[in-house]
Amino acid sequence: MPYVHMQLTREGVTVEQKEWLIKGVTDLLVQVLNKNPATTFVVIEEVETDNWGIAGMTMTKYRRQEQASAQNSMN
């Protein structure tokens, strides 16, 4: 009975994309480990970017810096 817990930043992932992720992860477990899809659980948890850290800062701040850097590169 596999249980997969996937965490994503809350940045506009659609219901359709979540369905694809759930199906893809389930199919992978069936193909690789011969698991029963009826007893394979996939949970997607969305985390606010202010609650997700990277490079010592929140994802919100990191994304802003990345955008500013990309804009400066274009100028």
PDB file of N, CA and C in Angstrom:
ATOM      1  N   MET A   1       0.840  -1.176   0.000  1.00  0.00           N
ATOM      2  CA  MET A   1       0.000   0.000   0.000  1.00  0.00           C
ATOM      3  C   MET A   1       0.885   1.240   0.000  1.00  0.00           C
ATOM      4  N   PRO A   2       1.360   1.671  -1.158  1.00  0.00           N
ATOM      5  CA  PRO A   2       2.211   2.858  -1.212  1.00  0.00           C
ATOM      6  C   PRO A   2       1.445   4.134  -0.855  1.00  0.00           C
ATOM      7  N   TYR A   3       2.173   5.033  -0.224  1.00  0.00           N
ATOM      8  CA  TYR A   3       1.662   6.358   0.115  1.00  0.00           C
ATOM      9  C   TYR A   3       2.725   7.351  -0.326  1.00  0.00           C
ATOM     10  N   VAL A   4       2.363   8.242  -1.222  1.00  0.00           N
ATOM     11  CA  VAL A   4       3.291   9.256  -1.726  1.00  0.00           C
ATOM     12  C   VAL A   4       2.758  10.623  -1.305  1.00  0.00           C
ATOM     13  N   HIS A   5       3.605  11.385  -0.627  1.00  0.00           N
ATOM     14  CA  HIS A   5       3.247  12.736  -0.189  1.00  0.00           C
ATOM     15  C   HIS A   5       4.085  13.718  -0.987  1.00  0.00           C
ATOM     16  N   MET A   6       3.428  14.511  -1.814  1.00  0.00           N
ATOM     17  CA  MET A   6       4.111  15.453  -2.693  1.00  0.00           C
ATOM     18  C   MET A   6       3.809  16.875  -2.210  1.00  0.00           C
ATOM     19  N   GLN A   7       4.841  17.659  -2.019  1.00  0.00           N
ATOM     20  CA  GLN A   7       4.649  19.047  -1.622  1.00  0.00           C
ATOM     21  C   GLN A   7       5.064  19.950  -2.777  1.00  0.00           C
ATOM     22  N   LEU A   8       4.197  20.913  -3.080  1.00  0.00           N
ATOM     23  CA  LEU A   8       4.444  21.886  -4.142  1.00  0.00           C
ATOM     24  C   LEU A   8       4.198  23.275  -3.590  1.00  0.00           C
ATOM     25  N   THR A   9       4.899  24.253  -4.130  1.00  0.00           N
ATOM     26  CA  THR A   9       4.567  25.617  -3.749  1.00  0.00           C
ATOM     27  C   THR A   9       3.256  25.993  -4.425  1.00  0.00           C
ATOM     28  N   ARG A  10       2.465  26.769  -3.736  1.00  0.00           N
ATOM     29  CA  ARG A  10       1.164  27.196  -4.248  1.00  0.00           C
ATOM     30  C   ARG A  10       1.385  28.322  -5.261  1.00  0.00           C
ATOM     31  N   GLU A  11       1.508  27.913  -6.517  1.00  0.00           N
ATOM     32  CA  GLU A  11       1.781  28.883  -7.573  1.00  0.00           C
ATOM     33  C   GLU A  11       0.961  28.571  -8.822  1.00  0.00           C
ATOM     34  N   GLY A  12      -0.315  28.323  -8.626  1.00  0.00           N
ATOM     35  CA  GLY A  12      -1.201  28.181  -9.767  1.00  0.00           C
ATOM     36  C   GLY A  12      -1.231  26.816 -10.424  1.00  0.00           C
ATOM     37  N   VAL A  13      -0.946  25.754  -9.677  1.00  0.00           N
ATOM     38  CA  VAL A  13      -1.064  24.412 -10.241  1.00  0.00           C
ATOM     39  C   VAL A  13      -2.552  24.126 -10.419  1.00  0.00           C
ATOM     40  N   THR A  14      -2.934  23.712 -11.616  1.00  0.00           N
ATOM     41  CA  THR A  14      -4.348  23.482 -11.906  1.00  0.00           C
ATOM     42  C   THR A  14      -4.792  22.103 -11.418  1.00  0.00           C
ATOM     43  N   VAL A  15      -6.095  21.932 -11.322  1.00  0.00           N
ATOM     44  CA  VAL A  15      -6.653  20.634 -10.954  1.00  0.00           C
ATOM     45  C   VAL A  15      -6.233  19.591 -11.985  1.00  0.00           C
ATOM     46  N   GLU A  16      -6.245  19.963 -13.253  1.00  0.00           N
ATOM     47  CA  GLU A  16      -5.842  19.039 -14.310  1.00  0.00           C
ATOM     48  C   GLU A  16      -4.381  18.600 -14.139  1.00  0.00           C
ATOM     49  N   GLN A  17      -3.492  19.528 -13.814  1.00  0.00           N
ATOM     50  CA  GLN A  17      -2.088  19.180 -13.589  1.00  0.00           C
ATOM     51  C   GLN A  17      -1.943  18.241 -12.391  1.00  0.00           C
ATOM     52  N   LYS A  18      -2.713  18.489 -11.336  1.00  0.00           N
ATOM     53  CA  LYS A  18      -2.675  17.611 -10.167  1.00  0.00           C
ATOM     54  C   LYS A  18      -3.142  16.207 -10.544  1.00  0.00           C
ATOM     55  N   GLU A  19      -4.181  16.127 -11.353  1.00  0.00           N
ATOM     56  CA  GLU A  19      -4.666  14.824 -11.799  1.00  0.00           C
ATOM     57  C   GLU A  19      -3.586  14.085 -12.588  1.00  0.00           C
ATOM     58  N   TRP A  20      -2.869  14.801 -13.453  1.00  0.00           N
ATOM     59  CA  TRP A  20      -1.768  14.195 -14.218  1.00  0.00           C
ATOM     60  C   TRP A  20      -0.672  13.689 -13.281  1.00  0.00           C
ATOM     61  N   LEU A  21      -0.334  14.497 -12.269  1.00  0.00           N
ATOM     62  CA  LEU A  21       0.691  14.075 -11.308  1.00  0.00           C
ATOM     63  C   LEU A  21       0.261  12.812 -10.571  1.00  0.00           C
ATOM     64  N   ILE A  22      -0.973  12.789 -10.099  1.00  0.00           N
ATOM     65  CA  ILE A  22      -1.471  11.627  -9.364  1.00  0.00           C
ATOM     66  C   ILE A  22      -1.455  10.388 -10.260  1.00  0.00           C
ATOM     67  N   LYS A  23      -1.930  10.530 -11.489  1.00  0.00           N
ATOM     68  CA  LYS A  23      -1.938   9.397 -12.419  1.00  0.00           C
ATOM     69  C   LYS A  23      -0.517   8.956 -12.747  1.00  0.00           C
ATOM     70  N   GLY A  24       0.367   9.908 -13.000  1.00  0.00           N
ATOM     71  CA  GLY A  24       1.742   9.578 -13.350  1.00  0.00           C
ATOM     72  C   GLY A  24       2.482   8.849 -12.239  1.00  0.00           C
ATOM     73  N   VAL A  25       2.327   9.327 -11.010  1.00  0.00           N
ATOM     74  CA  VAL A  25       2.986   8.682  -9.868  1.00  0.00           C
ATOM     75  C   VAL A  25       2.406   7.283  -9.658  1.00  0.00           C
ATOM     76  N   THR A  26       1.095   7.176  -9.752  1.00  0.00           N
ATOM     77  CA  THR A  26       0.453   5.867  -9.601  1.00  0.00           C
ATOM     78  C   THR A  26       0.935   4.904 -10.673  1.00  0.00           C
ATOM     79  N   ASP A  27       0.933   5.342 -11.932  1.00  0.00           N
ATOM     80  CA  ASP A  27       1.389   4.494 -13.036  1.00  0.00           C
ATOM     81  C   ASP A  27       2.841   4.058 -12.848  1.00  0.00           C
ATOM     82  N   LEU A  28       3.680   4.956 -12.361  1.00  0.00           N
ATOM     83  CA  LEU A  28       5.088   4.618 -12.127  1.00  0.00           C
ATOM     84  C   LEU A  28       5.223   3.510 -11.081  1.00  0.00           C
ATOM     85  N   LEU A  29       4.460   3.614  -9.997  1.00  0.00           N
ATOM     86  CA  LEU A  29       4.514   2.587  -8.955  1.00  0.00           C
ATOM     87  C   LEU A  29       3.981   1.249  -9.459  1.00  0.00           C
ATOM     88  N   VAL A  30       2.994   1.292 -10.329  1.00  0.00           N
ATOM     89  CA  VAL A  30       2.475   0.062 -10.927  1.00  0.00           C
ATOM     90  C   VAL A  30       3.543  -0.565 -11.822  1.00  0.00           C
ATOM     91  N   GLN A  31       4.175   0.246 -12.672  1.00  0.00           N
ATOM     92  CA  GLN A  31       5.161  -0.255 -13.632  1.00  0.00           C
ATOM     93  C   GLN A  31       6.439  -0.752 -12.955  1.00  0.00           C
ATOM     94  N   VAL A  32       6.949   0.003 -12.014  1.00  0.00           N
ATOM     95  CA  VAL A  32       8.249  -0.319 -11.424  1.00  0.00           C
ATOM     96  C   VAL A  32       8.135  -1.342 -10.292  1.00  0.00           C
ATOM     97  N   LEU A  33       7.124  -1.193  -9.445  1.00  0.00           N
ATOM     98  CA  LEU A  33       7.019  -2.051  -8.260  1.00  0.00           C
ATOM     99  C   LEU A  33       5.827  -3.005  -8.301  1.00  0.00           C
ATOM    100  N   ASN A  34       5.087  -2.988  -9.417  1.00  0.00           N
ATOM    101  CA  ASN A  34       3.920  -3.864  -9.577  1.00  0.00           C
ATOM    102  C   ASN A  34       2.899  -3.656  -8.459  1.00  0.00           C
ATOM    103  N   LYS A  35       2.699  -2.390  -8.068  1.00  0.00           N
ATOM    104  CA  LYS A  35       1.750  -2.076  -7.001  1.00  0.00           C
ATOM    105  C   LYS A  35       0.333  -1.982  -7.569  1.00  0.00           C
ATOM    106  N   ASN A  36      -0.624  -2.251  -6.723  1.00  0.00           N
ATOM    107  CA  ASN A  36      -2.029  -2.176  -7.094  1.00  0.00           C
ATOM    108  C   ASN A  36      -2.478  -0.715  -7.062  1.00  0.00           C
ATOM    109  N   PRO A  37      -2.949  -0.169  -8.180  1.00  0.00           N
ATOM    110  CA  PRO A  37      -3.364   1.232  -8.182  1.00  0.00           C
ATOM    111  C   PRO A  37      -4.524   1.514  -7.228  1.00  0.00           C
ATOM    112  N   ALA A  38      -5.340   0.507  -6.946  1.00  0.00           N
ATOM    113  CA  ALA A  38      -6.477   0.698  -6.044  1.00  0.00           C
ATOM    114  C   ALA A  38      -6.047   0.917  -4.600  1.00  0.00           C
ATOM    115  N   THR A  39      -4.804   0.552  -4.281  1.00  0.00           N
ATOM    116  CA  THR A  39      -4.311   0.751  -2.915  1.00  0.00           C
ATOM    117  C   THR A  39      -3.073   1.651  -2.892  1.00  0.00           C
ATOM    118  N   THR A  40      -2.940   2.476  -3.925  1.00  0.00           N
ATOM    119  CA  THR A  40      -1.838   3.427  -4.015  1.00  0.00           C
ATOM    120  C   THR A  40      -2.392   4.826  -3.751  1.00  0.00           C
ATOM    121  N   PHE A  41      -1.849   5.478  -2.747  1.00  0.00           N
ATOM    122  CA  PHE A  41      -2.342   6.789  -2.329  1.00  0.00           C
ATOM    123  C   PHE A  41      -1.326   7.863  -2.682  1.00  0.00           C
ATOM    124  N   VAL A  42      -1.805   8.943  -3.287  1.00  0.00           N
ATOM    125  CA  VAL A  42      -0.959  10.091  -3.613  1.00  0.00           C
ATOM    126  C   VAL A  42      -1.629  11.327  -3.019  1.00  0.00           C
ATOM    127  N   VAL A  43      -0.886  12.050  -2.199  1.00  0.00           N
ATOM    128  CA  VAL A  43      -1.398  13.259  -1.562  1.00  0.00           C
ATOM    129  C   VAL A  43      -0.561  14.438  -2.037  1.00  0.00           C
ATOM    130  N   ILE A  44      -1.242  15.461  -2.521  1.00  0.00           N
ATOM    131  CA  ILE A  44      -0.554  16.688  -2.936  1.00  0.00           C
ATOM    132  C   ILE A  44      -0.875  17.767  -1.916  1.00  0.00           C
ATOM    133  N   GLU A  45       0.173  18.327  -1.364  1.00  0.00           N
ATOM    134  CA  GLU A  45       0.030  19.415  -0.394  1.00  0.00           C
ATOM    135  C   GLU A  45       0.634  20.668  -1.013  1.00  0.00           C
ATOM    136  N   GLU A  46      -0.149  21.723  -1.044  1.00  0.00           N
ATOM    137  CA  GLU A  46       0.354  22.995  -1.566  1.00  0.00           C
ATOM    138  C   GLU A  46       0.793  23.880  -0.403  1.00  0.00           C
ATOM    139  N   VAL A  47       1.984  24.440  -0.524  1.00  0.00           N
ATOM    140  CA  VAL A  47       2.580  25.253   0.528  1.00  0.00           C
ATOM    141  C   VAL A  47       2.739  26.676   0.012  1.00  0.00           C
ATOM    142  N   GLU A  48       2.326  27.635   0.808  1.00  0.00           N
ATOM    143  CA  GLU A  48       2.502  29.044   0.434  1.00  0.00           C
ATOM    144  C   GLU A  48       3.991  29.332   0.247  1.00  0.00           C
ATOM    145  N   THR A  49       4.314  30.174  -0.712  1.00  0.00           N
ATOM    146  CA  THR A  49       5.718  30.482  -0.986  1.00  0.00           C
ATOM    147  C   THR A  49       6.405  31.183   0.186  1.00  0.00           C
ATOM    148  N   ASP A  50       5.632  31.820   1.064  1.00  0.00           N
ATOM    149  CA  ASP A  50       6.222  32.420   2.269  1.00  0.00           C
ATOM    150  C   ASP A  50       6.613  31.353   3.287  1.00  0.00           C
ATOM    151  N   ASN A  51       6.138  30.120   3.112  1.00  0.00           N
ATOM    152  CA  ASN A  51       6.432  29.018   4.029  1.00  0.00           C
ATOM    153  C   ASN A  51       7.391  28.005   3.422  1.00  0.00           C
ATOM    154  N   TRP A  52       8.021  28.368   2.319  1.00  0.00           N
ATOM    155  CA  TRP A  52       8.947  27.468   1.622  1.00  0.00           C
ATOM    156  C   TRP A  52      10.259  28.214   1.484  1.00  0.00           C
ATOM    157  N   GLY A  53      11.348  27.632   1.949  1.00  0.00           N
ATOM    158  CA  GLY A  53      12.628  28.329   1.909  1.00  0.00           C
ATOM    159  C   GLY A  53      13.593  27.722   0.917  1.00  0.00           C
ATOM    160  N   ILE A  54      14.398  28.586   0.316  1.00  0.00           N
ATOM    161  CA  ILE A  54      15.474  28.174  -0.587  1.00  0.00           C
ATOM    162  C   ILE A  54      16.569  29.233  -0.500  1.00  0.00           C
ATOM    163  N   ALA A  55      17.797  28.803  -0.488  1.00  0.00           N
ATOM    164  CA  ALA A  55      18.947  29.712  -0.464  1.00  0.00           C
ATOM    165  C   ALA A  55      18.875  30.706   0.698  1.00  0.00           C
ATOM    166  N   GLY A  56      18.304  30.263   1.812  1.00  0.00           N
ATOM    167  CA  GLY A  56      18.261  31.107   3.009  1.00  0.00           C
ATOM    168  C   GLY A  56      17.187  32.178   3.005  1.00  0.00           C
ATOM    169  N   MET A  57      16.216  32.066   2.107  1.00  0.00           N
ATOM    170  CA  MET A  57      15.137  33.060   2.063  1.00  0.00           C
ATOM    171  C   MET A  57      13.835  32.374   1.674  1.00  0.00           C
ATOM    172  N   THR A  58      12.729  33.085   1.845  1.00  0.00           N
ATOM    173  CA  THR A  58      11.454  32.508   1.422  1.00  0.00           C
ATOM    174  C   THR A  58      11.425  32.405  -0.106  1.00  0.00           C
ATOM    175  N   MET A  59      10.623  31.490  -0.592  1.00  0.00           N
ATOM    176  CA  MET A  59      10.476  31.333  -2.040  1.00  0.00           C
ATOM    177  C   MET A  59       9.917  32.619  -2.658  1.00  0.00           C
ATOM    178  N   THR A  60       9.055  33.308  -1.930  1.00  0.00           N
ATOM    179  CA  THR A  60       8.497  34.569  -2.418  1.00  0.00           C
ATOM    180  C   THR A  60       9.620  35.556  -2.735  1.00  0.00           C
ATOM    181  N   LYS A  61      10.522  35.746  -1.770  1.00  0.00           N
ATOM    182  CA  LYS A  61      11.638  36.677  -1.963  1.00  0.00           C
ATOM    183  C   LYS A  61      12.590  36.168  -3.035  1.00  0.00           C
ATOM    184  N   TYR A  62      12.868  34.871  -3.044  1.00  0.00           N
ATOM    185  CA  TYR A  62      13.760  34.271  -4.034  1.00  0.00           C
ATOM    186  C   TYR A  62      13.223  34.497  -5.453  1.00  0.00           C
ATOM    187  N   ARG A  63      11.927  34.276  -5.643  1.00  0.00           N
ATOM    188  CA  ARG A  63      11.319  34.485  -6.968  1.00  0.00           C
ATOM    189  C   ARG A  63      11.444  35.950  -7.403  1.00  0.00           C
ATOM    190  N   ARG A  64      11.215  36.867  -6.458  1.00  0.00           N
ATOM    191  CA  ARG A  64      11.350  38.301  -6.782  1.00  0.00           C
ATOM    192  C   ARG A  64      12.765  38.624  -7.225  1.00  0.00           C
ATOM    193  N   GLN A  65      13.755  38.086  -6.508  1.00  0.00           N
ATOM    194  CA  GLN A  65      15.150  38.337  -6.870  1.00  0.00           C
ATOM    195  C   GLN A  65      15.485  37.745  -8.236  1.00  0.00           C
ATOM    196  N   GLU A  66      14.967  36.541  -8.506  1.00  0.00           N
ATOM    197  CA  GLU A  66      15.209  35.903  -9.797  1.00  0.00           C
ATOM    198  C   GLU A  66      14.599  36.721 -10.935  1.00  0.00           C
ATOM    199  N   GLN A  67      13.395  37.230 -10.721  1.00  0.00           N
ATOM    200  CA  GLN A  67      12.743  38.049 -11.737  1.00  0.00           C
ATOM    201  C   GLN A  67      13.511  39.346 -11.977  1.00  0.00           C
ATOM    202  N   ALA A  68      13.952  39.986 -10.893  1.00  0.00           N
ATOM    203  CA  ALA A  68      14.718  41.221 -11.032  1.00  0.00           C
ATOM    204  C   ALA A  68      16.034  40.969 -11.742  1.00  0.00           C
ATOM    205  N   SER A  69      16.682  39.873 -11.422  1.00  0.00           N
ATOM    206  CA  SER A  69      17.942  39.519 -12.064  1.00  0.00           C
ATOM    207  C   SER A  69      17.740  39.267 -13.552  1.00  0.00           C
ATOM    208  N   ALA A  70      16.656  38.574 -13.897  1.00  0.00           N
ATOM    209  CA  ALA A  70      16.374  38.279 -15.313  1.00  0.00           C
ATOM    210  C   ALA A  70      16.077  39.574 -16.064  1.00  0.00           C
ATOM    211  N   GLN A  71      15.367  40.496 -15.439  1.00  0.00           N
ATOM    212  CA  GLN A  71      15.055  41.775 -16.068  1.00  0.00           C
ATOM    213  C   GLN A  71      16.315  42.588 -16.273  1.00  0.00           C
ATOM    214  N   ASN A  72      17.205  42.574 -15.291  1.00  0.00           N
ATOM    215  CA  ASN A  72      18.455  43.316 -15.401  1.00  0.00           C
ATOM    216  C   ASN A  72      19.349  42.728 -16.500  1.00  0.00           C
ATOM    217  N   SER A  73      19.286  41.430 -16.696  1.00  0.00           N
ATOM    218  CA  SER A  73      20.081  40.777 -17.745  1.00  0.00           C
ATOM    219  C   SER A  73      19.608  41.184 -19.119  1.00  0.00           C
ATOM    220  N   MET A  74      18.320  41.477 -19.237  1.00  0.00           N
ATOM    221  CA  MET A  74      17.747  41.836 -20.528  1.00  0.00           C
ATOM    222  C   MET A  74      18.062  43.288 -20.900  1.00  0.00           C
ATOM    223  N   ASN A  75      18.383  44.099 -19.899  1.00  0.00           N
ATOM    224  CA  ASN A  75      18.642  45.531 -20.149  1.00  0.00           C
ATOM    225  C   ASN A  75      20.088  45.814 -20.445  1.00  0.00           C
TER     226      ASN A  75
END
